[in-house]
Amino acid sequence: MRGPRRPRAWSASMALLCAACTRTEPAAPPPPLAPIWTLAGEVALGEVRPSSRPGFEDGSALLGPTCRTASERLGDRPPPCRAELWRPLRPAGEAPGQERTLLLQVGATFLLQTPLGETVRSTTWSALGSILAGCLQDPFALPPAGDPGAFRHLLLGAQGTAWVLHLSGENPCRLSGEVRLGILPDGVSVEDLMADGLPWRAGGAERALALWRAAARVEVRDHFLELPTEERILGLEALVHDPDPEALTVLQQLATSGGPGSLDAARAIERRAHQRQEPP
């Protein structure tokens, strides 16, 4: 004998309950990336200044024994080249995670591999301008701007990816504060940068230019023969555009020395004279 027939509403409710019993909760989203990343290791080959940073296991494999592997990938000519390992900056006492970011640099090109993707671009930022570019030289140098108290951080987040150079003032242009070099999106921020105590956009740039020229005069006068070829060219070019009479004196001394660079110095004197004859 059949039992009493249950109402349809009751049957529908039971079906919903059973479906709820078998439903699985969605997987929790991964934790957000730490916004600040710090340098954890470096491997360098070629004509680069020595670094006190420890190496890391696969850094040499990224570069190849003579930078060949990195050069073939980035289409640049070695040397110099280097690989950097970056880790998220964690609060004190928090266990480090497995996240990592890699920087691969060959000459004037770098590859950045982050958890957010991969980017290849030039190591130069046109928005830096000639003065700040001259003060910083290689933005990836360790330490930045030759400043013993300076360091570089990497920022990752919804607002973009950027390098941040933290400067202590112990550099030829007496830069202190921060320079932000945007990778994605591209751009330069100097809102927190000062030169010899002056905000960059309120007299600091002009002060930095004067200090940079003074440092170039000393560098060419006292250390010209010790400088790499590229730095010799930059030093002579700085003296060509330097209005201080001392710059001409340094060029004349080098031109009459008869040693290496004397011919280049003589040509620099000619360019300097021609430049001053041109109408403003």
Protein backbone atom coordinates (compact mmCIF):
# COMPACT_ATOMS: atom_id res chain seq x y z
CA MET A 1 0.00 0.00 0.00
CA ARG A 2 1.31 3.41 -1.00
CA GLY A 3 2.01 5.98 1.69
CA PRO A 4 0.63 9.50 1.59
CA ARG A 5 1.90 11.58 -1.30
CA ARG A 6 4.26 14.37 -0.25
CA PRO A 7 3.59 17.90 -1.49
CA ARG A 8 5.70 19.08 -4.43
CA ALA A 9 7.05 22.00 -2.38
CA TRP A 10 8.48 19.56 0.17
CA SER A 11 10.20 17.55 -2.61
CA ALA A 12 11.73 20.68 -4.11
CA SER A 13 13.05 21.75 -0.69
CA MET A 14 14.71 18.38 -0.16
CA ALA A 15 16.35 18.59 -3.59
CA LEU A 16 17.81 21.96 -2.72
CA LEU A 17 19.10 20.65 0.62
CA CYS A 18 20.76 17.67 -1.07
CA ALA A 19 22.39 19.94 -3.62
CA ALA A 20 23.71 22.09 -0.80
CA CYS A 21 25.12 18.98 0.91
CA THR A 22 27.21 18.07 -2.13
CA ARG A 23 28.25 21.60 -3.13
CA THR A 24 31.96 22.39 -2.62
CA GLU A 25 33.14 25.78 -1.48
CA PRO A 26 35.11 27.78 -4.11
CA ALA A 27 38.86 27.83 -3.66
CA ALA A 28 40.16 30.77 -1.69
CA PRO A 29 41.87 33.43 -3.84
CA PRO A 30 45.66 33.53 -3.60
CA PRO A 31 47.06 36.08 -1.14
CA PRO A 32 47.85 39.47 -2.67
CA LEU A 33 51.42 40.10 -3.76
CA ALA A 34 53.58 42.01 -1.34
CA PRO A 35 53.94 45.57 -2.70
CA ILE A 36 57.64 45.99 -1.87
CA TRP A 37 60.34 43.62 -3.11
CA THR A 38 63.99 43.67 -2.06
CA LEU A 39 67.17 42.42 -3.73
CA ALA A 40 68.17 38.97 -2.48
CA GLY A 41 70.98 37.92 -4.82
CA GLU A 42 73.07 38.96 -7.81
CA VAL A 43 75.33 37.26 -10.35
CA ALA A 44 77.38 39.54 -12.62
CA LEU A 45 79.72 38.92 -15.55
CA GLY A 46 81.77 41.32 -17.63
CA GLU A 47 82.83 44.88 -17.01
CA VAL A 48 80.69 45.65 -13.98
CA ARG A 49 81.70 46.89 -10.58
CA PRO A 50 82.00 44.12 -7.97
CA SER A 51 79.03 43.67 -5.66
CA SER A 52 78.78 42.42 -2.10
CA ARG A 53 75.42 40.76 -2.80
CA PRO A 54 75.30 36.96 -2.54
CA GLY A 55 74.73 34.97 -5.71
CA PHE A 56 71.85 32.56 -6.31
CA GLU A 57 71.76 29.06 -7.73
CA ASP A 58 70.30 29.55 -11.18
CA GLY A 59 71.78 33.01 -11.79
CA SER A 60 74.74 31.67 -13.75
CA ALA A 61 72.43 29.54 -15.90
CA LEU A 62 70.39 32.62 -16.80
CA LEU A 63 73.52 34.41 -18.00
CA GLY A 64 75.49 31.55 -19.52
CA PRO A 65 79.24 31.17 -18.99
CA THR A 66 80.05 34.33 -20.99
CA CYS A 67 76.64 36.09 -20.96
CA ARG A 68 75.86 34.30 -24.24
CA THR A 69 72.54 32.84 -23.06
CA ALA A 70 71.22 36.19 -21.87
CA SER A 71 72.54 38.00 -24.94
CA GLU A 72 70.80 35.64 -27.36
CA ARG A 73 67.51 36.17 -25.54
CA LEU A 74 67.67 39.96 -25.27
CA GLY A 75 69.49 40.66 -28.53
CA ASP A 76 72.19 42.78 -26.93
CA ARG A 77 75.95 42.50 -26.93
CA PRO A 78 77.85 41.36 -23.82
CA PRO A 79 79.47 42.33 -21.56
CA PRO A 80 78.37 43.60 -19.08
CA CYS A 81 75.44 41.51 -17.95
CA ARG A 82 73.91 40.44 -14.68
CA ALA A 83 71.01 38.61 -13.09
CA GLU A 84 69.23 39.69 -9.91
CA LEU A 85 66.92 37.73 -7.61
CA TRP A 86 64.17 39.65 -5.79
CA ARG A 87 62.00 38.53 -2.85
CA PRO A 88 58.97 40.16 -1.20
CA LEU A 89 59.77 42.29 1.83
CA ARG A 90 57.97 40.57 4.73
CA PRO A 91 57.19 41.86 8.24
CA ALA A 92 59.61 40.80 10.95
CA GLY A 93 58.86 37.27 12.15
CA GLU A 94 56.78 36.31 9.09
CA ALA A 95 57.99 33.22 7.23
CA PRO A 96 59.33 33.97 3.73
CA GLY A 97 57.22 32.74 0.83
CA GLN A 98 58.28 31.12 -2.42
CA GLU A 99 57.50 34.14 -4.61
CA ARG A 100 60.39 35.52 -6.60
CA THR A 101 61.13 38.01 -9.34
CA LEU A 102 64.10 37.92 -11.70
CA LEU A 103 65.92 40.77 -13.42
CA LEU A 104 68.13 39.86 -16.36
CA GLN A 105 70.24 42.74 -17.75
CA VAL A 106 72.50 42.79 -20.81
CA GLY A 107 74.02 46.13 -21.74
CA ALA A 108 71.22 48.67 -22.15
CA THR A 109 68.35 46.12 -22.11
CA PHE A 110 66.66 44.34 -19.23
CA LEU A 111 64.11 41.58 -18.81
CA LEU A 112 61.93 41.60 -15.68
CA GLN A 113 60.05 38.40 -14.78
CA THR A 114 57.46 38.96 -12.03
CA PRO A 115 54.41 36.97 -10.88
CA LEU A 116 52.39 39.53 -12.87
CA GLY A 117 54.15 38.86 -16.17
CA GLU A 118 57.31 39.49 -18.19
CA THR A 119 58.63 42.82 -19.49
CA VAL A 120 61.55 43.65 -21.79
CA ARG A 121 62.66 47.26 -22.13
CA SER A 122 65.58 49.70 -22.19
CA THR A 123 67.54 50.56 -19.05
CA THR A 124 67.15 54.27 -19.88
CA TRP A 125 64.18 56.54 -19.16
CA SER A 126 63.84 59.49 -21.53
CA ALA A 127 61.76 61.37 -18.97
CA LEU A 128 64.77 61.53 -16.62
CA GLY A 129 66.22 64.47 -18.53
CA SER A 130 69.92 65.06 -19.11
CA ILE A 131 70.71 66.42 -15.62
CA LEU A 132 69.17 63.62 -13.58
CA ALA A 133 70.40 61.00 -16.05
CA GLY A 134 73.93 62.38 -15.66
CA CYS A 135 73.68 62.33 -11.87
CA LEU A 136 72.32 58.77 -11.70
CA GLN A 137 74.36 57.28 -14.58
CA ASP A 138 73.26 53.60 -14.69
CA PRO A 139 69.92 53.36 -12.79
CA PHE A 140 70.70 49.69 -12.07
CA ALA A 141 74.13 50.34 -10.56
CA LEU A 142 74.77 48.94 -7.10
CA PRO A 143 74.65 51.15 -5.17
CA PRO A 144 72.63 53.69 -7.19
CA ALA A 145 74.53 56.85 -8.25
CA GLY A 146 77.63 55.52 -6.48
CA ASP A 147 75.95 56.49 -3.21
CA PRO A 148 77.11 54.12 -0.41
CA GLY A 149 73.90 54.73 1.51
CA ALA A 150 71.57 54.22 -1.47
CA PHE A 151 69.52 51.18 -2.45
CA ARG A 152 66.84 50.11 -4.92
CA HIS A 153 63.40 48.61 -4.28
CA LEU A 154 60.84 47.09 -6.64
CA LEU A 155 57.15 47.97 -6.35
CA LEU A 156 54.46 45.59 -7.67
CA GLY A 157 50.76 46.26 -7.47
CA ALA A 158 47.56 47.52 -9.02
CA GLN A 159 49.07 50.96 -9.55
CA GLY A 160 51.82 49.55 -11.78
CA THR A 161 55.38 48.25 -11.57
CA ALA A 162 58.26 50.57 -10.71
CA TRP A 163 61.82 50.77 -9.44
CA VAL A 164 62.37 53.15 -6.54
CA LEU A 165 65.87 54.52 -5.95
CA HIS A 166 66.44 55.64 -2.36
CA LEU A 167 69.36 58.12 -2.17
CA SER A 168 71.20 59.35 0.93
CA GLY A 169 72.94 62.46 -0.44
CA GLU A 170 76.40 60.87 -0.53
CA ASN A 171 76.79 61.22 -4.30
CA PRO A 172 78.30 63.82 -6.66
CA CYS A 173 74.97 65.64 -7.16
CA ARG A 174 74.03 65.33 -3.46
CA LEU A 175 70.73 63.70 -4.35
CA SER A 176 68.58 62.57 -1.43
CA GLY A 177 65.10 61.14 -1.19
CA GLU A 178 63.45 59.00 -3.85
CA VAL A 179 63.34 58.68 -7.63
CA ARG A 180 60.56 56.47 -8.98
CA LEU A 181 61.16 54.87 -12.38
CA GLY A 182 57.92 53.45 -13.70
CA ILE A 183 58.11 50.29 -15.79
CA LEU A 184 54.39 49.71 -16.40
CA PRO A 185 53.29 52.40 -17.01
CA ASP A 186 56.50 54.15 -18.08
CA GLY A 187 57.33 57.38 -16.27
CA VAL A 188 59.56 59.19 -13.79
CA SER A 189 58.54 60.75 -10.48
CA VAL A 190 60.82 63.21 -8.64
CA GLU A 191 58.26 64.55 -6.19
CA ASP A 192 60.28 63.22 -3.23
CA LEU A 193 63.74 64.08 -4.61
CA MET A 194 66.08 66.79 -3.36
CA ALA A 195 69.52 68.00 -4.46
CA ASP A 196 71.74 69.56 -1.81
CA GLY A 197 68.64 70.22 0.30
CA LEU A 198 66.60 71.83 -2.50
CA PRO A 199 63.45 70.23 -3.98
CA TRP A 200 64.21 68.99 -7.49
CA ARG A 201 61.60 71.23 -9.13
CA ALA A 202 62.43 74.27 -7.01
CA GLY A 203 66.11 74.90 -7.62
CA GLY A 204 67.36 71.37 -7.03
CA ALA A 205 67.89 70.54 -10.72
CA GLU A 206 70.00 73.66 -11.26
CA ARG A 207 72.05 72.94 -8.14
CA ALA A 208 72.57 69.34 -9.21
CA LEU A 209 73.82 70.47 -12.63
CA ALA A 210 76.43 72.74 -11.03
CA LEU A 211 77.60 69.95 -8.72
CA TRP A 212 77.67 67.41 -11.57
CA ARG A 213 79.81 69.70 -13.73
CA ALA A 214 82.20 70.35 -10.85
CA ALA A 215 82.56 66.60 -10.25
CA ALA A 216 83.19 66.01 -13.97
CA ARG A 217 86.00 68.58 -13.97
CA VAL A 218 87.73 66.81 -11.09
CA GLU A 219 87.16 63.37 -12.60
CA VAL A 220 88.68 64.29 -15.98
CA ARG A 221 91.54 66.24 -14.42
CA ASP A 222 92.61 63.64 -11.85
CA HIS A 223 91.38 60.26 -13.10
CA PHE A 224 91.02 60.45 -16.88
CA LEU A 225 93.37 57.56 -17.65
CA GLU A 226 91.64 55.30 -15.13
CA LEU A 227 88.16 55.82 -16.56
CA PRO A 228 86.45 53.31 -18.91
CA THR A 229 86.06 54.56 -22.49
CA GLU A 230 82.38 55.42 -22.09
CA GLU A 231 83.01 57.48 -18.96
CA ARG A 232 85.88 59.32 -20.69
CA ILE A 233 83.51 60.34 -23.49
CA LEU A 234 80.85 61.49 -21.02
CA GLY A 235 83.42 63.45 -19.02
CA LEU A 236 84.77 65.30 -22.05
CA GLU A 237 81.26 66.05 -23.27
CA ALA A 238 80.37 67.52 -19.87
CA LEU A 239 83.36 69.87 -20.12
CA VAL A 240 82.33 70.95 -23.62
CA HIS A 241 79.04 72.33 -22.22
CA ASP A 242 80.42 73.55 -18.88
CA PRO A 243 80.57 77.41 -18.85
CA ASP A 244 83.06 77.50 -15.97
CA PRO A 245 86.52 78.68 -17.18
CA GLU A 246 88.07 75.84 -15.17
CA ALA A 247 86.54 73.36 -17.63
CA LEU A 248 88.55 74.88 -20.49
CA THR A 249 91.71 74.79 -18.35
CA VAL A 250 91.24 71.06 -17.70
CA LEU A 251 90.74 70.37 -21.42
CA GLN A 252 93.83 72.40 -22.36
CA GLN A 253 95.99 70.53 -19.84
CA LEU A 254 94.81 67.20 -21.21
CA ALA A 255 95.23 68.29 -24.84
CA THR A 256 98.86 69.37 -24.30
CA SER A 257 99.82 66.30 -22.27
CA GLY A 258 100.58 64.24 -25.38
CA GLY A 259 99.14 61.17 -23.69
CA PRO A 260 96.02 59.09 -24.30
CA GLY A 261 93.01 61.33 -24.76
CA SER A 262 94.97 64.40 -25.81
CA LEU A 263 93.52 64.35 -29.33
CA ASP A 264 90.00 63.87 -27.97
CA ALA A 265 90.54 66.81 -25.60
CA ALA A 266 91.71 69.02 -28.50
CA ARG A 267 88.56 68.17 -30.43
CA ALA A 268 86.50 68.92 -27.33
CA ILE A 269 88.10 72.38 -27.16
CA GLU A 270 87.10 73.01 -30.77
CA ARG A 271 83.51 71.95 -30.12
CA ARG A 272 83.41 74.13 -27.01
CA ALA A 273 84.61 77.18 -28.97
CA HIS A 274 82.17 76.53 -31.80
CA GLN A 275 79.31 76.15 -29.35
CA ARG A 276 80.02 79.54 -27.81
CA GLN A 277 80.07 81.21 -31.22
CA GLU A 278 76.58 79.98 -32.06
CA PRO A 279 73.73 82.43 -31.40
CA PRO A 280 71.61 81.58 -28.35
